[in-house]
Amino acid sequence: MARRDPAAPVPLSVLDDAPYVELHLHSNYSLLEGASSIDELLIAAGEQGHRALALTDHEAMYGSMEFARSAKEAGLRPITGLELTVQEASGTRHHVTLLAETREGYSHLCRLSSRAFGLHEEQQDDREARRLDPVIPGERLVEHAGGLILLTGCRDGLVPRLTQDGRVADAERALRRWVQWFGPGNVYVELQDNLVYGDGPRNRALVALAERVGVPVVGTGDVHYHEPDRHRLQDVLVAIRHRKTLDESHRERRPNGEFYLRSPLDQARRFAAYHPDAASNSVRIARRCT
C-alpha cells in the first residue's frame, strides 16, 4: 500500500469514478465489537480499490485521529463518524450513524461521545453508570445536529426496526423527526444487506418509506472486520462483552460471518437491487465530508 504525506489532503478527484464508499465501519476501537485494527481495514480497503472510507466506531472517538492520519497515508479520503446508542423518553434504545460533514460536525461528534459516557454528569454514580453503559438521551441529538449527516442506522436503528416490525406510521414519524432536527438533505435512510434473514423485505420497505417522505437512501456494510475468517474473533469478543460463553451468547452474536469489508463493486451491485442511487449516494456523501 503506497504511503503519502499524512498532512496532505486527499483530493476529491479520487472519488470521480468510485462506485461506492463504505460509510459504516467499526475498528477494534469499538471495544469488544470490532475485530480488526485500523491498519488491517485500510490495507484491505486499498487492495479492494476503495477510494474513501468512514470510521463509525461505537460511542467513542478513540481511533479517529489514527484513522484520519493512516487513511491519508494510504491515499484514502477519511470520513469521521460515530455510531451512537440513543435512548428515547420511553426508555427504548436504538442506534444512529452520524458522519461529520464539517469541523462543526466533528466538534459535535466529540461532544455527543462525551455525553454518552457521562463526562458531563455532575454525580459520580451517574458518570460511572454511563461509562459502563454509554448512551445519549434522544433530546441531546437536536442540540448537536449542526454539521452532521445522519444515517438511520443498522438493524437496531429506530426507523429500520419499526419498519421491520410493520409499524410503518411510527417509522415515518421517527424519520420526519430526524429531518426536522438535522435538516432536509442531511438525513439518509440506511440500507444494509449482509445476507441475514429479513434484510431484503426490510430494505424494500425502507425504500418505500424514504420515497414517501422524500428522503434519499444509502447502502452501507455495517463492517466489523476486514476479512470473513475474522468473524470467529468477533464472536469471541461479543461473548466476552456480555460475560457469556460462545454457546450462551448466540442471541448477542452476529447472525452470520458476512459483516466484513467488501469491494466497492460488490457493494454497488448488491444495492442496485434495491435502489439505483443507494450506492452512488454513498459517494455523494463522501464528497460532502471534509
C-alpha atoms as a PDB file:
ATOM      1  CA  MET A   1       0.000   0.000   0.000  1.00  0.00           C
ATOM      2  CA  ALA A   2       1.573   3.282  -1.122  1.00  0.00           C
ATOM      3  CA  ARG A   3       2.202   5.834   1.648  1.00  0.00           C
ATOM      4  CA  ARG A   4       1.596   9.568   1.340  1.00  0.00           C
ATOM      5  CA  ASP A   5       2.220  12.604   3.498  1.00  0.00           C
ATOM      6  CA  PRO A   6      -0.481  12.364   6.218  1.00  0.00           C
ATOM      7  CA  ALA A   7      -0.674  16.159   6.399  1.00  0.00           C
ATOM      8  CA  ALA A   8      -1.629  16.466   2.739  1.00  0.00           C
ATOM      9  CA  PRO A   9      -5.362  16.235   1.963  1.00  0.00           C
ATOM     10  CA  VAL A  10      -6.510  13.523  -0.413  1.00  0.00           C
ATOM     11  CA  PRO A  11      -8.178  15.298  -3.358  1.00  0.00           C
ATOM     12  CA  LEU A  12     -11.857  14.865  -4.112  1.00  0.00           C
ATOM     13  CA  SER A  13     -10.879  13.755  -7.605  1.00  0.00           C
ATOM     14  CA  VAL A  14     -10.091  10.268  -6.247  1.00  0.00           C
ATOM     15  CA  LEU A  15     -13.858   9.795  -5.995  1.00  0.00           C
ATOM     16  CA  ASP A  16     -14.552  10.676  -9.631  1.00  0.00           C
ATOM     17  CA  ASP A  17     -15.152   7.078 -10.729  1.00  0.00           C
ATOM     18  CA  ALA A  18     -15.820   5.468  -7.350  1.00  0.00           C
ATOM     19  CA  PRO A  19     -18.928   3.241  -7.444  1.00  0.00           C
ATOM     20  CA  TYR A  20     -19.363   3.078  -3.665  1.00  0.00           C
ATOM     21  CA  VAL A  21     -17.900   4.341  -0.389  1.00  0.00           C
ATOM     22  CA  GLU A  22     -18.197   2.380   2.853  1.00  0.00           C
ATOM     23  CA  LEU A  23     -19.831   4.696   5.416  1.00  0.00           C
ATOM     24  CA  HIS A  24     -20.475   2.291   8.302  1.00  0.00           C
ATOM     25  CA  LEU A  25     -17.344   0.599   9.613  1.00  0.00           C
ATOM     26  CA  HIS A  26     -16.035  -0.414  13.043  1.00  0.00           C
ATOM     27  CA  SER A  27     -12.432  -0.969  14.112  1.00  0.00           C
ATOM     28  CA  ASN A  28     -11.093  -2.586  17.259  1.00  0.00           C
ATOM     29  CA  TYR A  29     -11.675   0.786  18.924  1.00  0.00           C
ATOM     30  CA  SER A  30     -15.302  -0.355  19.058  1.00  0.00           C
ATOM     31  CA  LEU A  31     -14.336  -2.188  22.219  1.00  0.00           C
ATOM     32  CA  LEU A  32     -15.314  -5.873  22.242  1.00  0.00           C
ATOM     33  CA  GLU A  33     -17.190  -5.341  18.944  1.00  0.00           C
ATOM     34  CA  GLY A  34     -14.752  -4.530  16.147  1.00  0.00           C
ATOM     35  CA  ALA A  35     -12.415  -7.419  15.333  1.00  0.00           C
ATOM     36  CA  SER A  36      -9.893  -5.720  13.012  1.00  0.00           C
ATOM     37  CA  SER A  37      -7.350  -2.973  13.537  1.00  0.00           C
ATOM     38  CA  ILE A  38      -7.363   0.257  11.573  1.00  0.00           C
ATOM     39  CA  ASP A  39      -4.269  -0.839   9.643  1.00  0.00           C
ATOM     40  CA  GLU A  40      -5.875  -4.166   8.716  1.00  0.00           C
ATOM     41  CA  LEU A  41      -9.008  -2.404   7.486  1.00  0.00           C
ATOM     42  CA  LEU A  42      -7.045   0.143   5.467  1.00  0.00           C
ATOM     43  CA  ILE A  43      -4.811  -2.477   3.860  1.00  0.00           C
ATOM     44  CA  ALA A  44      -7.872  -4.484   2.834  1.00  0.00           C
ATOM     45  CA  ALA A  45      -9.566  -1.310   1.569  1.00  0.00           C
ATOM     46  CA  GLY A  46      -6.568  -0.420  -0.570  1.00  0.00           C
ATOM     47  CA  GLU A  47      -6.388  -3.904  -2.048  1.00  0.00           C
ATOM     48  CA  GLN A  48     -10.109  -3.819  -2.880  1.00  0.00           C
ATOM     49  CA  GLY A  49      -9.957  -0.438  -4.621  1.00  0.00           C
ATOM     50  CA  HIS A  50     -11.707   1.758  -2.079  1.00  0.00           C
ATOM     51  CA  ARG A  51     -11.124   5.488  -2.570  1.00  0.00           C
ATOM     52  CA  ALA A  52     -12.580   6.721   0.736  1.00  0.00           C
ATOM     53  CA  LEU A  53     -13.680   5.155   3.993  1.00  0.00           C
ATOM     54  CA  ALA A  54     -15.627   6.185   7.073  1.00  0.00           C
ATOM     55  CA  LEU A  55     -14.864   5.089  10.623  1.00  0.00           C
ATOM     56  CA  THR A  56     -18.018   4.894  12.770  1.00  0.00           C
ATOM     57  CA  ASP A  57     -16.933   3.222  15.981  1.00  0.00           C
ATOM     58  CA  HIS A  58     -19.479   2.582  18.720  1.00  0.00           C
ATOM     59  CA  GLU A  59     -19.951   5.593  21.008  1.00  0.00           C
ATOM     60  CA  ALA A  60     -16.272   6.622  21.052  1.00  0.00           C
ATOM     61  CA  MET A  61     -13.803   8.678  19.023  1.00  0.00           C
ATOM     62  CA  TYR A  62     -10.690   6.864  20.288  1.00  0.00           C
ATOM     63  CA  GLY A  63      -9.474   5.868  16.848  1.00  0.00           C
ATOM     64  CA  SER A  64     -10.482   8.920  14.812  1.00  0.00           C
ATOM     65  CA  MET A  65      -7.092  10.682  14.688  1.00  0.00           C
ATOM     66  CA  GLU A  66      -5.137   7.489  13.981  1.00  0.00           C
ATOM     67  CA  PHE A  67      -7.646   6.584  11.279  1.00  0.00           C
ATOM     68  CA  ALA A  68      -7.503  10.002   9.589  1.00  0.00           C
ATOM     69  CA  ARG A  69      -3.697  10.014   9.538  1.00  0.00           C
ATOM     70  CA  SER A  70      -3.326   6.426   8.354  1.00  0.00           C
ATOM     71  CA  ALA A  71      -6.053   6.742   5.715  1.00  0.00           C
ATOM     72  CA  LYS A  72      -4.355   9.798   4.201  1.00  0.00           C
ATOM     73  CA  GLU A  73      -1.032   7.972   4.154  1.00  0.00           C
ATOM     74  CA  ALA A  74      -2.754   5.170   2.251  1.00  0.00           C
ATOM     75  CA  GLY A  75      -4.282   7.603  -0.275  1.00  0.00           C
ATOM     76  CA  LEU A  76      -7.854   7.217   1.022  1.00  0.00           C
ATOM     77  CA  ARG A  77     -10.131  10.095   1.974  1.00  0.00           C
ATOM     78  CA  PRO A  78     -11.041   9.610   5.653  1.00  0.00           C
ATOM     79  CA  ILE A  79     -14.558  10.323   6.914  1.00  0.00           C
ATOM     80  CA  THR A  80     -15.075  10.688  10.640  1.00  0.00           C
ATOM     81  CA  GLY A  81     -18.238   9.258  12.116  1.00  0.00           C
ATOM     82  CA  LEU A  82     -19.812   7.651  15.130  1.00  0.00           C
ATOM     83  CA  GLU A  83     -22.474   5.067  15.839  1.00  0.00           C
ATOM     84  CA  LEU A  84     -24.424   6.188  18.889  1.00  0.00           C
ATOM     85  CA  THR A  85     -26.824   4.369  21.156  1.00  0.00           C
ATOM     86  CA  VAL A  86     -29.795   6.673  21.690  1.00  0.00           C
ATOM     87  CA  GLN A  87     -32.388   6.370  24.423  1.00  0.00           C
ATOM     88  CA  GLU A  88     -35.876   7.741  23.868  1.00  0.00           C
ATOM     89  CA  ALA A  89     -38.048   9.206  26.644  1.00  0.00           C
ATOM     90  CA  SER A  90     -39.966   5.917  26.622  1.00  0.00           C
ATOM     91  CA  GLY A  91     -36.771   4.036  27.509  1.00  0.00           C
ATOM     92  CA  THR A  92     -36.415   2.478  24.047  1.00  0.00           C
ATOM     93  CA  ARG A  93     -32.815   2.276  22.827  1.00  0.00           C
ATOM     94  CA  HIS A  94     -31.619   2.262  19.235  1.00  0.00           C
ATOM     95  CA  HIS A  95     -28.636   3.133  17.044  1.00  0.00           C
ATOM     96  CA  VAL A  96     -27.960   6.003  14.651  1.00  0.00           C
ATOM     97  CA  THR A  97     -24.979   6.568  12.356  1.00  0.00           C
ATOM     98  CA  LEU A  98     -23.546  10.102  12.318  1.00  0.00           C
ATOM     99  CA  LEU A  99     -20.943  11.480   9.882  1.00  0.00           C
ATOM    100  CA  ALA A 100     -19.053  14.745  10.254  1.00  0.00           C
ATOM    101  CA  GLU A 101     -19.556  16.945   7.197  1.00  0.00           C
ATOM    102  CA  THR A 102     -17.683  19.942   8.640  1.00  0.00           C
ATOM    103  CA  ARG A 103     -15.413  20.913  11.521  1.00  0.00           C
ATOM    104  CA  GLU A 104     -18.515  21.918  13.446  1.00  0.00           C
ATOM    105  CA  GLY A 105     -19.853  18.417  12.897  1.00  0.00           C
ATOM    106  CA  TYR A 106     -16.607  16.888  14.188  1.00  0.00           C
ATOM    107  CA  SER A 107     -16.885  19.033  17.298  1.00  0.00           C
ATOM    108  CA  HIS A 108     -20.452  17.856  17.806  1.00  0.00           C
ATOM    109  CA  LEU A 109     -19.402  14.213  17.479  1.00  0.00           C
ATOM    110  CA  CYS A 110     -16.851  14.751  20.248  1.00  0.00           C
ATOM    111  CA  ARG A 111     -19.457  16.366  22.495  1.00  0.00           C
ATOM    112  CA  LEU A 112     -22.012  13.626  21.832  1.00  0.00           C
ATOM    113  CA  SER A 113     -19.435  10.937  22.628  1.00  0.00           C
ATOM    114  CA  SER A 114     -18.518  12.698  25.871  1.00  0.00           C
ATOM    115  CA  ARG A 115     -22.159  12.945  26.862  1.00  0.00           C
ATOM    116  CA  ALA A 116     -22.763   9.292  26.013  1.00  0.00           C
ATOM    117  CA  PHE A 117     -20.059   8.330  28.523  1.00  0.00           C
ATOM    118  CA  GLY A 118     -21.476  10.668  31.171  1.00  0.00           C
ATOM    119  CA  LEU A 119     -18.486  13.014  31.227  1.00  0.00           C
ATOM    120  CA  HIS A 120     -20.868  15.956  31.674  1.00  0.00           C
ATOM    121  CA  GLU A 121     -22.760  14.361  34.563  1.00  0.00           C
ATOM    122  CA  GLU A 122     -22.373  16.041  37.949  1.00  0.00           C
ATOM    123  CA  GLN A 123     -22.966  12.918  40.044  1.00  0.00           C
ATOM    124  CA  GLN A 124     -20.123  10.399  40.244  1.00  0.00           C
ATOM    125  CA  ASP A 125     -22.573   7.479  40.307  1.00  0.00           C
ATOM    126  CA  ASP A 126     -24.165   8.699  37.070  1.00  0.00           C
ATOM    127  CA  ARG A 127     -20.777   9.037  35.394  1.00  0.00           C
ATOM    128  CA  GLU A 128     -19.750   5.519  36.400  1.00  0.00           C
ATOM    129  CA  ALA A 129     -23.013   4.009  35.153  1.00  0.00           C
ATOM    130  CA  ARG A 130     -22.703   5.765  31.802  1.00  0.00           C
ATOM    131  CA  ARG A 131     -19.046   4.795  31.439  1.00  0.00           C
ATOM    132  CA  LEU A 132     -20.060   1.154  31.602  1.00  0.00           C
ATOM    133  CA  ASP A 133     -23.213   1.642  29.537  1.00  0.00           C
ATOM    134  CA  PRO A 134     -22.757   4.661  27.221  1.00  0.00           C
ATOM    135  CA  VAL A 135     -25.990   6.106  25.861  1.00  0.00           C
ATOM    136  CA  ILE A 136     -27.188   9.529  24.714  1.00  0.00           C
ATOM    137  CA  PRO A 137     -30.669  10.840  25.532  1.00  0.00           C
ATOM    138  CA  GLY A 138     -32.581  11.458  22.306  1.00  0.00           C
ATOM    139  CA  GLU A 139     -33.223  15.119  23.039  1.00  0.00           C
ATOM    140  CA  ARG A 140     -29.458  15.766  23.114  1.00  0.00           C
ATOM    141  CA  LEU A 141     -29.138  14.993  19.418  1.00  0.00           C
ATOM    142  CA  VAL A 142     -31.011  18.092  18.311  1.00  0.00           C
ATOM    143  CA  GLU A 143     -28.613  20.248  20.348  1.00  0.00           C
ATOM    144  CA  HIS A 144     -25.637  18.945  18.352  1.00  0.00           C
ATOM    145  CA  ALA A 145     -27.066  18.423  14.868  1.00  0.00           C
ATOM    146  CA  GLY A 146     -25.107  21.129  13.040  1.00  0.00           C
ATOM    147  CA  GLY A 147     -22.530  19.932  10.530  1.00  0.00           C
ATOM    148  CA  LEU A 148     -23.647  16.309  10.767  1.00  0.00           C
ATOM    149  CA  ILE A 149     -25.205  13.864   8.319  1.00  0.00           C
ATOM    150  CA  LEU A 150     -27.482  11.271   9.911  1.00  0.00           C
ATOM    151  CA  LEU A 151     -27.986   7.768   8.556  1.00  0.00           C
ATOM    152  CA  THR A 152     -30.911   5.930  10.108  1.00  0.00           C
ATOM    153  CA  GLY A 153     -28.734   3.120  11.410  1.00  0.00           C
ATOM    154  CA  CYS A 154     -28.335  -0.634  11.313  1.00  0.00           C
ATOM    155  CA  ARG A 155     -30.978  -3.249  12.089  1.00  0.00           C
ATOM    156  CA  ASP A 156     -31.008  -1.842  15.623  1.00  0.00           C
ATOM    157  CA  GLY A 157     -31.857   1.631  14.361  1.00  0.00           C
ATOM    158  CA  LEU A 158     -35.253   3.029  15.284  1.00  0.00           C
ATOM    159  CA  VAL A 159     -36.544   3.512  11.734  1.00  0.00           C
ATOM    160  CA  PRO A 160     -35.342   0.107  10.424  1.00  0.00           C
ATOM    161  CA  ARG A 161     -36.668  -1.687  13.498  1.00  0.00           C
ATOM    162  CA  LEU A 162     -40.103  -0.065  13.328  1.00  0.00           C
ATOM    163  CA  THR A 163     -40.254  -0.722   9.595  1.00  0.00           C
ATOM    164  CA  GLN A 164     -39.343  -4.386  10.005  1.00  0.00           C
ATOM    165  CA  ASP A 165     -41.993  -4.735  12.722  1.00  0.00           C
ATOM    166  CA  GLY A 166     -44.641  -3.383  10.350  1.00  0.00           C
ATOM    167  CA  ARG A 167     -45.096  -0.147  12.324  1.00  0.00           C
ATOM    168  CA  VAL A 168     -44.845   1.995   9.222  1.00  0.00           C
ATOM    169  CA  ALA A 169     -46.643   5.057  10.625  1.00  0.00           C
ATOM    170  CA  ASP A 170     -44.330   5.123  13.658  1.00  0.00           C
ATOM    171  CA  ALA A 171     -41.299   4.712  11.396  1.00  0.00           C
ATOM    172  CA  GLU A 172     -42.462   7.637   9.278  1.00  0.00           C
ATOM    173  CA  ARG A 173     -42.894   9.844  12.344  1.00  0.00           C
ATOM    174  CA  ALA A 174     -39.406   8.951  13.546  1.00  0.00           C
ATOM    175  CA  LEU A 175     -37.904   9.677  10.134  1.00  0.00           C
ATOM    176  CA  ARG A 176     -39.657  13.017   9.850  1.00  0.00           C
ATOM    177  CA  ARG A 177     -38.318  13.925  13.305  1.00  0.00           C
ATOM    178  CA  TRP A 178     -34.748  13.270  12.126  1.00  0.00           C
ATOM    179  CA  VAL A 179     -35.372  15.503   9.098  1.00  0.00           C
ATOM    180  CA  GLN A 180     -36.762  18.249  11.333  1.00  0.00           C
ATOM    181  CA  TRP A 181     -33.747  18.066  13.646  1.00  0.00           C
ATOM    182  CA  PHE A 182     -30.941  17.658  11.116  1.00  0.00           C
ATOM    183  CA  GLY A 183     -32.465  19.416   8.136  1.00  0.00           C
ATOM    184  CA  PRO A 184     -33.548  18.318   4.644  1.00  0.00           C
ATOM    185  CA  GLY A 185     -30.670  16.799   2.719  1.00  0.00           C
ATOM    186  CA  ASN A 186     -28.834  15.776   5.883  1.00  0.00           C
ATOM    187  CA  VAL A 187     -30.775  12.570   6.585  1.00  0.00           C
ATOM    188  CA  TYR A 188     -30.451   9.304   4.630  1.00  0.00           C
ATOM    189  CA  VAL A 189     -32.350   6.067   5.085  1.00  0.00           C
ATOM    190  CA  GLU A 190     -29.691   3.413   5.595  1.00  0.00           C
ATOM    191  CA  LEU A 191     -29.962   0.076   3.784  1.00  0.00           C
ATOM    192  CA  GLN A 192     -27.917  -2.965   4.813  1.00  0.00           C
ATOM    193  CA  ASP A 193     -27.707  -6.406   3.253  1.00  0.00           C
ATOM    194  CA  ASN A 194     -25.451  -8.916   4.988  1.00  0.00           C
ATOM    195  CA  LEU A 195     -27.393 -11.968   3.803  1.00  0.00           C
ATOM    196  CA  VAL A 196     -29.353 -12.047   7.058  1.00  0.00           C
ATOM    197  CA  TYR A 197     -32.923 -13.351   7.005  1.00  0.00           C
ATOM    198  CA  GLY A 198     -35.242 -10.372   6.586  1.00  0.00           C
ATOM    199  CA  ASP A 199     -32.708  -7.990   5.028  1.00  0.00           C
ATOM    200  CA  GLY A 200     -34.435  -7.959   1.635  1.00  0.00           C
ATOM    201  CA  PRO A 201     -38.010  -7.243   2.782  1.00  0.00           C
ATOM    202  CA  ARG A 202     -36.811  -4.648   5.282  1.00  0.00           C
ATOM    203  CA  ASN A 203     -34.746  -2.811   2.671  1.00  0.00           C
ATOM    204  CA  ARG A 204     -37.623  -2.743   0.201  1.00  0.00           C
ATOM    205  CA  ALA A 205     -39.939  -1.370   2.885  1.00  0.00           C
ATOM    206  CA  LEU A 206     -37.337   1.242   3.828  1.00  0.00           C
ATOM    207  CA  VAL A 207     -37.031   2.350   0.196  1.00  0.00           C
ATOM    208  CA  ALA A 208     -40.815   2.774   0.031  1.00  0.00           C
ATOM    209  CA  LEU A 209     -40.761   4.789   3.262  1.00  0.00           C
ATOM    210  CA  ALA A 210     -37.914   7.000   2.047  1.00  0.00           C
ATOM    211  CA  GLU A 211     -39.696   7.750  -1.228  1.00  0.00           C
ATOM    212  CA  ARG A 212     -42.903   8.612   0.615  1.00  0.00           C
ATOM    213  CA  VAL A 213     -41.106  11.047   2.954  1.00  0.00           C
ATOM    214  CA  GLY A 214     -38.807  12.391   0.238  1.00  0.00           C
ATOM    215  CA  VAL A 215     -35.556  11.266   1.874  1.00  0.00           C
ATOM    216  CA  PRO A 216     -32.687   9.655  -0.091  1.00  0.00           C
ATOM    217  CA  VAL A 217     -31.393   6.143   0.635  1.00  0.00           C
ATOM    218  CA  VAL A 218     -27.821   4.935   1.009  1.00  0.00           C
ATOM    219  CA  GLY A 219     -26.324   1.465   1.293  1.00  0.00           C
ATOM    220  CA  THR A 220     -23.784   0.582   3.991  1.00  0.00           C
ATOM    221  CA  GLY A 221     -21.992  -2.598   5.043  1.00  0.00           C
ATOM    222  CA  ASP A 222     -22.058  -2.461   8.875  1.00  0.00           C
ATOM    223  CA  VAL A 223     -18.457  -3.685   8.710  1.00  0.00           C
ATOM    224  CA  HIS A 224     -16.982  -5.243  11.873  1.00  0.00           C
ATOM    225  CA  TYR A 225     -13.868  -6.963  10.446  1.00  0.00           C
ATOM    226  CA  HIS A 226     -11.680  -6.833   7.366  1.00  0.00           C
ATOM    227  CA  GLU A 227     -11.964 -10.441   6.147  1.00  0.00           C
ATOM    228  CA  PRO A 228     -14.559 -13.215   6.516  1.00  0.00           C
ATOM    229  CA  ASP A 229     -12.467 -15.502   8.746  1.00  0.00           C
ATOM    230  CA  ARG A 230     -12.211 -12.775  11.377  1.00  0.00           C
ATOM    231  CA  HIS A 231     -15.855 -13.325  12.321  1.00  0.00           C
ATOM    232  CA  ARG A 232     -14.718 -16.034  14.731  1.00  0.00           C
ATOM    233  CA  LEU A 233     -12.769 -13.490  16.760  1.00  0.00           C
ATOM    234  CA  GLN A 234     -15.721 -11.116  16.655  1.00  0.00           C
ATOM    235  CA  ASP A 235     -17.932 -13.837  18.130  1.00  0.00           C
ATOM    236  CA  VAL A 236     -15.474 -14.296  20.995  1.00  0.00           C
ATOM    237  CA  LEU A 237     -15.305 -10.548  21.665  1.00  0.00           C
ATOM    238  CA  VAL A 238     -19.082 -10.249  21.845  1.00  0.00           C
ATOM    239  CA  ALA A 239     -19.269 -13.227  24.203  1.00  0.00           C
ATOM    240  CA  ILE A 240     -16.679 -11.602  26.482  1.00  0.00           C
ATOM    241  CA  ARG A 241     -18.560  -8.314  26.363  1.00  0.00           C
ATOM    242  CA  HIS A 242     -21.733  -9.986  27.586  1.00  0.00           C
ATOM    243  CA  ARG A 243     -19.843 -12.228  30.048  1.00  0.00           C
ATOM    244  CA  LYS A 244     -21.173 -15.383  28.446  1.00  0.00           C
ATOM    245  CA  THR A 245     -19.782 -18.462  26.762  1.00  0.00           C
ATOM    246  CA  LEU A 246     -19.954 -18.758  22.990  1.00  0.00           C
ATOM    247  CA  ASP A 247     -22.917 -21.101  23.279  1.00  0.00           C
ATOM    248  CA  GLU A 248     -24.719 -18.817  25.720  1.00  0.00           C
ATOM    249  CA  SER A 249     -24.165 -15.686  23.586  1.00  0.00           C
ATOM    250  CA  HIS A 250     -25.850 -16.958  20.438  1.00  0.00           C
ATOM    251  CA  ARG A 251     -28.514 -14.214  20.525  1.00  0.00           C
ATOM    252  CA  GLU A 252     -25.983 -11.445  21.115  1.00  0.00           C
ATOM    253  CA  ARG A 253     -23.572 -12.508  18.377  1.00  0.00           C
ATOM    254  CA  ARG A 254     -23.918 -11.541  14.709  1.00  0.00           C
ATOM    255  CA  PRO A 255     -26.240 -13.915  12.827  1.00  0.00           C
ATOM    256  CA  ASN A 256     -23.549 -14.888  10.298  1.00  0.00           C
ATOM    257  CA  GLY A 257     -19.990 -14.170   9.138  1.00  0.00           C
ATOM    258  CA  GLU A 258     -20.947 -11.658   6.421  1.00  0.00           C
ATOM    259  CA  PHE A 259     -20.098  -8.410   8.235  1.00  0.00           C
ATOM    260  CA  TYR A 260     -16.725  -7.953   6.520  1.00  0.00           C
ATOM    261  CA  LEU A 261     -15.350  -5.257   4.219  1.00  0.00           C
ATOM    262  CA  ARG A 262     -16.411  -5.899   0.622  1.00  0.00           C
ATOM    263  CA  SER A 263     -15.137  -4.255  -2.529  1.00  0.00           C
ATOM    264  CA  PRO A 264     -16.883  -1.146  -3.858  1.00  0.00           C
ATOM    265  CA  LEU A 265     -18.024  -3.010  -6.980  1.00  0.00           C
ATOM    266  CA  ASP A 266     -19.514  -5.847  -4.927  1.00  0.00           C
ATOM    267  CA  GLN A 267     -21.450  -3.412  -2.777  1.00  0.00           C
ATOM    268  CA  ALA A 268     -22.600  -1.336  -5.736  1.00  0.00           C
ATOM    269  CA  ARG A 269     -24.048  -4.451  -7.376  1.00  0.00           C
ATOM    270  CA  ARG A 270     -25.651  -5.579  -4.111  1.00  0.00           C
ATOM    271  CA  PHE A 271     -27.511  -2.320  -3.505  1.00  0.00           C
ATOM    272  CA  ALA A 272     -28.525  -1.837  -7.131  1.00  0.00           C
ATOM    273  CA  ALA A 273     -31.179  -4.473  -6.462  1.00  0.00           C
ATOM    274  CA  TYR A 274     -32.892  -2.094  -4.040  1.00  0.00           C
ATOM    275  CA  HIS A 275     -32.436   1.405  -5.468  1.00  0.00           C
ATOM    276  CA  PRO A 276     -30.369   2.853  -8.349  1.00  0.00           C
ATOM    277  CA  ASP A 277     -28.974   5.623  -6.104  1.00  0.00           C
ATOM    278  CA  ALA A 278     -28.193   3.562  -2.991  1.00  0.00           C
ATOM    279  CA  ALA A 279     -24.517   3.121  -3.888  1.00  0.00           C
ATOM    280  CA  SER A 280     -23.937   6.413  -5.699  1.00  0.00           C
ATOM    281  CA  ASN A 281     -25.385   8.331  -2.740  1.00  0.00           C
ATOM    282  CA  SER A 282     -22.568   6.947  -0.597  1.00  0.00           C
ATOM    283  CA  VAL A 283     -20.116   8.692  -2.961  1.00  0.00           C
ATOM    284  CA  ARG A 284     -22.159  11.911  -2.819  1.00  0.00           C
ATOM    285  CA  ILE A 285     -21.998  11.849   0.970  1.00  0.00           C
ATOM    286  CA  ALA A 286     -18.252  11.205   0.878  1.00  0.00           C
ATOM    287  CA  ARG A 287     -17.782  14.266  -1.322  1.00  0.00           C
ATOM    288  CA  ARG A 288     -19.598  16.413   1.235  1.00  0.00           C
ATOM    289  CA  CYS A 289     -17.470  15.301   4.199  1.00  0.00           C
ATOM    290  CA  THR A 290     -14.329  17.378   4.694  1.00  0.00           C
END
